PDB file of N, CA and C in Angstrom:
ATOM      1  N   MET A   1      -2.528 -45.582  16.535  1.00  0.00           N
ATOM      2  CA  MET A   1      -2.707 -46.868  15.990  1.00  0.00           C
ATOM      3  C   MET A   1      -4.168 -47.150  15.745  1.00  0.00           C
ATOM      4  N   GLY A   2      -4.406 -47.788  14.628  1.00  0.00           N
ATOM      5  CA  GLY A   2      -5.823 -48.062  14.231  1.00  0.00           C
ATOM      6  C   GLY A   2      -5.913 -49.511  13.779  1.00  0.00           C
ATOM      7  N   LEU A   3      -7.120 -50.014  13.642  1.00  0.00           N
ATOM      8  CA  LEU A   3      -7.331 -51.342  13.129  1.00  0.00           C
ATOM      9  C   LEU A   3      -8.047 -51.226  11.798  1.00  0.00           C
ATOM     10  N   ALA A   4      -7.644 -52.053  10.858  1.00  0.00           N
ATOM     11  CA  ALA A   4      -8.267 -52.013   9.500  1.00  0.00           C
ATOM     12  C   ALA A   4      -8.137 -53.327   8.896  1.00  0.00           C
ATOM     13  N   LEU A   5      -9.087 -53.622   7.955  1.00  0.00           N
ATOM     14  CA  LEU A   5      -8.959 -54.752   7.060  1.00  0.00           C
ATOM     15  C   LEU A   5      -8.297 -54.246   5.840  1.00  0.00           C
ATOM     16  N   ASP A   6      -7.179 -54.825   5.438  1.00  0.00           N
ATOM     17  CA  ASP A   6      -6.458 -54.361   4.332  1.00  0.00           C
ATOM     18  C   ASP A   6      -5.604 -55.534   3.699  1.00  0.00           C
ATOM     19  N   GLU A   7      -5.100 -55.283   2.570  1.00  0.00           N
ATOM     20  CA  GLU A   7      -4.282 -56.270   1.884  1.00  0.00           C
ATOM     21  C   GLU A   7      -2.929 -56.254   2.499  1.00  0.00           C
ATOM     22  N   PRO A   8      -2.256 -57.394   2.614  1.00  0.00           N
ATOM     23  CA  PRO A   8      -0.886 -57.395   3.189  1.00  0.00           C
ATOM     24  C   PRO A   8       0.086 -56.614   2.319  1.00  0.00           C
ATOM     25  N   GLN A   9       0.975 -55.928   2.961  1.00  0.00           N
ATOM     26  CA  GLN A   9       2.019 -55.133   2.271  1.00  0.00           C
ATOM     27  C   GLN A   9       3.378 -55.933   2.449  1.00  0.00           C
ATOM     28  N   ASP A  10       4.315 -55.685   1.529  1.00  0.00           N
ATOM     29  CA  ASP A  10       5.571 -56.366   1.567  1.00  0.00           C
ATOM     30  C   ASP A  10       6.353 -56.196   2.830  1.00  0.00           C
ATOM     31  N   ASP A  11       6.236 -55.058   3.477  1.00  0.00           N
ATOM     32  CA  ASP A  11       6.990 -54.724   4.684  1.00  0.00           C
ATOM     33  C   ASP A  11       6.221 -54.997   5.964  1.00  0.00           C
ATOM     34  N   ASP A  12       5.024 -55.673   5.910  1.00  0.00           N
ATOM     35  CA  ASP A  12       4.321 -55.991   7.130  1.00  0.00           C
ATOM     36  C   ASP A  12       4.958 -57.075   7.957  1.00  0.00           C
ATOM     37  N   GLU A  13       4.889 -56.920   9.239  1.00  0.00           N
ATOM     38  CA  GLU A  13       5.201 -58.067  10.157  1.00  0.00           C
ATOM     39  C   GLU A  13       4.029 -59.010  10.217  1.00  0.00           C
ATOM     40  N   GLN A  14       4.255 -60.273  10.186  1.00  0.00           N
ATOM     41  CA  GLN A  14       3.148 -61.264  10.264  1.00  0.00           C
ATOM     42  C   GLN A  14       3.329 -62.202  11.365  1.00  0.00           C
ATOM     43  N   GLN A  15       2.215 -62.421  12.084  1.00  0.00           N
ATOM     44  CA  GLN A  15       2.244 -63.498  13.097  1.00  0.00           C
ATOM     45  C   GLN A  15       0.832 -64.066  13.226  1.00  0.00           C
ATOM     46  N   THR A  16       0.787 -65.292  13.611  1.00  0.00           N
ATOM     47  CA  THR A  16      -0.542 -65.976  13.784  1.00  0.00           C
ATOM     48  C   THR A  16      -0.822 -66.047  15.287  1.00  0.00           C
ATOM     49  N   VAL A  17      -1.982 -65.496  15.702  1.00  0.00           N
ATOM     50  CA  VAL A  17      -2.380 -65.490  17.077  1.00  0.00           C
ATOM     51  C   VAL A  17      -3.766 -66.144  17.153  1.00  0.00           C
ATOM     52  N   ASN A  18      -3.782 -67.328  17.876  1.00  0.00           N
ATOM     53  CA  ASN A  18      -5.018 -68.115  18.060  1.00  0.00           C
ATOM     54  C   ASN A  18      -5.628 -68.470  16.730  1.00  0.00           C
ATOM     55  N   GLY A  19      -4.802 -68.746  15.715  1.00  0.00           N
ATOM     56  CA  GLY A  19      -5.260 -69.180  14.337  1.00  0.00           C
ATOM     57  C   GLY A  19      -5.643 -67.981  13.461  1.00  0.00           C
ATOM     58  N   ILE A  20      -5.436 -66.728  13.900  1.00  0.00           N
ATOM     59  CA  ILE A  20      -5.742 -65.577  13.106  1.00  0.00           C
ATOM     60  C   ILE A  20      -4.486 -64.894  12.657  1.00  0.00           C
ATOM     61  N   LEU A  21      -4.320 -64.668  11.357  1.00  0.00           N
ATOM     62  CA  LEU A  21      -3.128 -63.961  10.867  1.00  0.00           C
ATOM     63  C   LEU A  21      -3.243 -62.488  11.244  1.00  0.00           C
ATOM     64  N   VAL A  22      -2.240 -61.942  11.887  1.00  0.00           N
ATOM     65  CA  VAL A  22      -2.229 -60.546  12.321  1.00  0.00           C
ATOM     66  C   VAL A  22      -1.060 -59.897  11.571  1.00  0.00           C
ATOM     67  N   LEU A  23      -1.364 -58.839  10.963  1.00  0.00           N
ATOM     68  CA  LEU A  23      -0.338 -58.064  10.162  1.00  0.00           C
ATOM     69  C   LEU A  23      -0.218 -56.745  10.880  1.00  0.00           C
ATOM     70  N   SER A  24       1.030 -56.223  10.991  1.00  0.00           N
ATOM     71  CA  SER A  24       1.341 -54.898  11.563  1.00  0.00           C
ATOM     72  C   SER A  24       2.488 -54.325  10.797  1.00  0.00           C
ATOM     73  N   ARG A  25       2.575 -53.006  10.843  1.00  0.00           N
ATOM     74  CA  ARG A  25       3.766 -52.290  10.370  1.00  0.00           C
ATOM     75  C   ARG A  25       4.931 -52.608  11.330  1.00  0.00           C
ATOM     76  N   ALA A  26       6.125 -52.698  10.773  1.00  0.00           N
ATOM     77  CA  ALA A  26       7.305 -53.072  11.507  1.00  0.00           C
ATOM     78  C   ALA A  26       7.453 -52.150  12.681  1.00  0.00           C
ATOM     79  N   ASP A  27       7.221 -50.885  12.541  1.00  0.00           N
ATOM     80  CA  ASP A  27       7.399 -49.922  13.621  1.00  0.00           C
ATOM     81  C   ASP A  27       6.348 -49.990  14.670  1.00  0.00           C
ATOM     82  N   ASP A  28       5.231 -50.675  14.468  1.00  0.00           N
ATOM     83  CA  ASP A  28       4.174 -50.854  15.456  1.00  0.00           C
ATOM     84  C   ASP A  28       4.295 -52.196  16.196  1.00  0.00           C
ATOM     85  N   ALA A  29       5.090 -53.162  15.689  1.00  0.00           N
ATOM     86  CA  ALA A  29       5.128 -54.435  16.256  1.00  0.00           C
ATOM     87  C   ALA A  29       5.493 -54.478  17.704  1.00  0.00           C
ATOM     88  N   ALA A  30       6.473 -53.666  18.152  1.00  0.00           N
ATOM     89  CA  ALA A  30       6.824 -53.595  19.589  1.00  0.00           C
ATOM     90  C   ALA A  30       5.709 -53.116  20.432  1.00  0.00           C
ATOM     91  N   TRP A  31       4.928 -52.206  19.915  1.00  0.00           N
ATOM     92  CA  TRP A  31       3.783 -51.603  20.681  1.00  0.00           C
ATOM     93  C   TRP A  31       2.736 -52.656  20.966  1.00  0.00           C
ATOM     94  N   LEU A  32       2.619 -53.649  20.086  1.00  0.00           N
ATOM     95  CA  LEU A  32       1.593 -54.679  20.199  1.00  0.00           C
ATOM     96  C   LEU A  32       1.931 -55.700  21.295  1.00  0.00           C
ATOM     97  N   THR A  33       3.146 -55.738  21.803  1.00  0.00           N
ATOM     98  CA  THR A  33       3.546 -56.697  22.864  1.00  0.00           C
ATOM     99  C   THR A  33       2.594 -56.507  24.046  1.00  0.00           C
ATOM    100  N   ASP A  34       2.004 -57.588  24.513  1.00  0.00           N
ATOM    101  CA  ASP A  34       1.017 -57.579  25.684  1.00  0.00           C
ATOM    102  C   ASP A  34      -0.248 -56.865  25.399  1.00  0.00           C
ATOM    103  N   ALA A  35      -0.572 -56.540  24.079  1.00  0.00           N
ATOM    104  CA  ALA A  35      -1.827 -55.861  23.785  1.00  0.00           C
ATOM    105  C   ALA A  35      -2.897 -56.899  23.706  1.00  0.00           C
ATOM    106  N   GLN A  36      -4.136 -56.518  24.070  1.00  0.00           N
ATOM    107  CA  GLN A  36      -5.294 -57.432  23.953  1.00  0.00           C
ATOM    108  C   GLN A  36      -6.316 -56.705  23.101  1.00  0.00           C
ATOM    109  N   VAL A  37      -6.777 -57.374  22.067  1.00  0.00           N
ATOM    110  CA  VAL A  37      -7.820 -56.840  21.162  1.00  0.00           C
ATOM    111  C   VAL A  37      -9.115 -57.594  21.447  1.00  0.00           C
ATOM    112  N   ASP A  38     -10.174 -56.833  21.711  1.00  0.00           N
ATOM    113  CA  ASP A  38     -11.508 -57.445  21.959  1.00  0.00           C
ATOM    114  C   ASP A  38     -12.544 -56.776  21.019  1.00  0.00           C
ATOM    115  N   TYR A  39     -13.573 -57.576  20.705  1.00  0.00           N
ATOM    116  CA  TYR A  39     -14.732 -57.067  19.982  1.00  0.00           C
ATOM    117  C   TYR A  39     -15.889 -56.982  20.910  1.00  0.00           C
ATOM    118  N   HIS A  40     -16.554 -55.884  20.958  1.00  0.00           N
ATOM    119  CA  HIS A  40     -17.728 -55.691  21.838  1.00  0.00           C
ATOM    120  C   HIS A  40     -18.930 -55.411  20.927  1.00  0.00           C
ATOM    121  N   LYS A  41     -20.034 -56.016  21.302  1.00  0.00           N
ATOM    122  CA  LYS A  41     -21.359 -55.691  20.701  1.00  0.00           C
ATOM    123  C   LYS A  41     -22.397 -55.835  21.814  1.00  0.00           C
ATOM    124  N   ASP A  42     -22.891 -54.695  22.175  1.00  0.00           N
ATOM    125  CA  ASP A  42     -23.963 -54.661  23.174  1.00  0.00           C
ATOM    126  C   ASP A  42     -24.820 -53.398  22.920  1.00  0.00           C
ATOM    127  N   ALA A  43     -25.712 -53.123  23.839  1.00  0.00           N
ATOM    128  CA  ALA A  43     -26.666 -52.033  23.673  1.00  0.00           C
ATOM    129  C   ALA A  43     -26.074 -50.671  23.463  1.00  0.00           C
ATOM    130  N   TRP A  44     -24.888 -50.368  23.997  1.00  0.00           N
ATOM    131  CA  TRP A  44     -24.327 -49.047  23.951  1.00  0.00           C
ATOM    132  C   TRP A  44     -23.059 -48.919  23.092  1.00  0.00           C
ATOM    133  N   ARG A  45     -22.525 -50.021  22.593  1.00  0.00           N
ATOM    134  CA  ARG A  45     -21.304 -49.928  21.751  1.00  0.00           C
ATOM    135  C   ARG A  45     -21.135 -51.153  20.873  1.00  0.00           C
ATOM    136  N   GLU A  46     -20.454 -50.944  19.791  1.00  0.00           N
ATOM    137  CA  GLU A  46     -20.058 -52.098  18.931  1.00  0.00           C
ATOM    138  C   GLU A  46     -18.775 -51.716  18.259  1.00  0.00           C
ATOM    139  N   GLY A  47     -17.787 -52.582  18.407  1.00  0.00           N
ATOM    140  CA  GLY A  47     -16.513 -52.351  17.764  1.00  0.00           C
ATOM    141  C   GLY A  47     -15.353 -52.977  18.549  1.00  0.00           C
ATOM    142  N   PHE A  48     -14.177 -52.649  18.115  1.00  0.00           N
ATOM    143  CA  PHE A  48     -12.956 -53.193  18.700  1.00  0.00           C
ATOM    144  C   PHE A  48     -12.423 -52.263  19.797  1.00  0.00           C
ATOM    145  N   SER A  49     -11.783 -52.851  20.762  1.00  0.00           N
ATOM    146  CA  SER A  49     -11.051 -52.049  21.716  1.00  0.00           C
ATOM    147  C   SER A  49      -9.632 -52.706  21.873  1.00  0.00           C
ATOM    148  N   VAL A  50      -8.680 -51.914  22.086  1.00  0.00           N
ATOM    149  CA  VAL A  50      -7.311 -52.391  22.349  1.00  0.00           C
ATOM    150  C   VAL A  50      -6.870 -51.994  23.761  1.00  0.00           C
ATOM    151  N   THR A  51      -6.428 -52.965  24.523  1.00  0.00           N
ATOM    152  CA  THR A  51      -5.975 -52.748  25.889  1.00  0.00           C
ATOM    153  C   THR A  51      -4.555 -53.182  26.026  1.00  0.00           C
ATOM    154  N   ARG A  52      -3.754 -52.360  26.619  1.00  0.00           N
ATOM    155  CA  ARG A  52      -2.357 -52.748  26.820  1.00  0.00           C
ATOM    156  C   ARG A  52      -1.981 -52.302  28.240  1.00  0.00           C
ATOM    157  N   GLY A  53      -1.504 -53.252  29.048  1.00  0.00           N
ATOM    158  CA  GLY A  53      -1.167 -52.899  30.464  1.00  0.00           C
ATOM    159  C   GLY A  53      -2.343 -52.420  31.255  1.00  0.00           C
ATOM    160  N   GLY A  54      -3.545 -52.882  30.903  1.00  0.00           N
ATOM    161  CA  GLY A  54      -4.724 -52.521  31.720  1.00  0.00           C
ATOM    162  C   GLY A  54      -5.302 -51.169  31.298  1.00  0.00           C
ATOM    163  N   ALA A  55      -4.712 -50.463  30.337  1.00  0.00           N
ATOM    164  CA  ALA A  55      -5.251 -49.148  29.985  1.00  0.00           C
ATOM    165  C   ALA A  55      -5.843 -49.232  28.569  1.00  0.00           C
ATOM    166  N   SER A  56      -7.080 -48.781  28.361  1.00  0.00           N
ATOM    167  CA  SER A  56      -7.671 -48.846  27.052  1.00  0.00           C
ATOM    168  C   SER A  56      -7.131 -47.644  26.228  1.00  0.00           C
ATOM    169  N   CYS A  57      -6.819 -47.942  24.953  1.00  0.00           N
ATOM    170  CA  CYS A  57      -6.187 -46.949  24.081  1.00  0.00           C
ATOM    171  C   CYS A  57      -6.984 -46.672  22.830  1.00  0.00           C
ATOM    172  N   CYS A  58      -7.878 -47.543  22.427  1.00  0.00           N
ATOM    173  CA  CYS A  58      -8.607 -47.304  21.178  1.00  0.00           C
ATOM    174  C   CYS A  58      -9.995 -47.795  21.232  1.00  0.00           C
TER     175      CYS A  58
END
């Protein structure tokens, strides 16, 4: 699984989370249940991380 800025596709699942439109492929939608996406910017890293069930995956 990856994160990207892209144009919506006809077969994307759409949901609004905290006012942000989130698009995902239909086969990835179940994987996103209970996932948390964070953005980090500090001295040693900058970027997104995805955590699900307490385990970092990306």
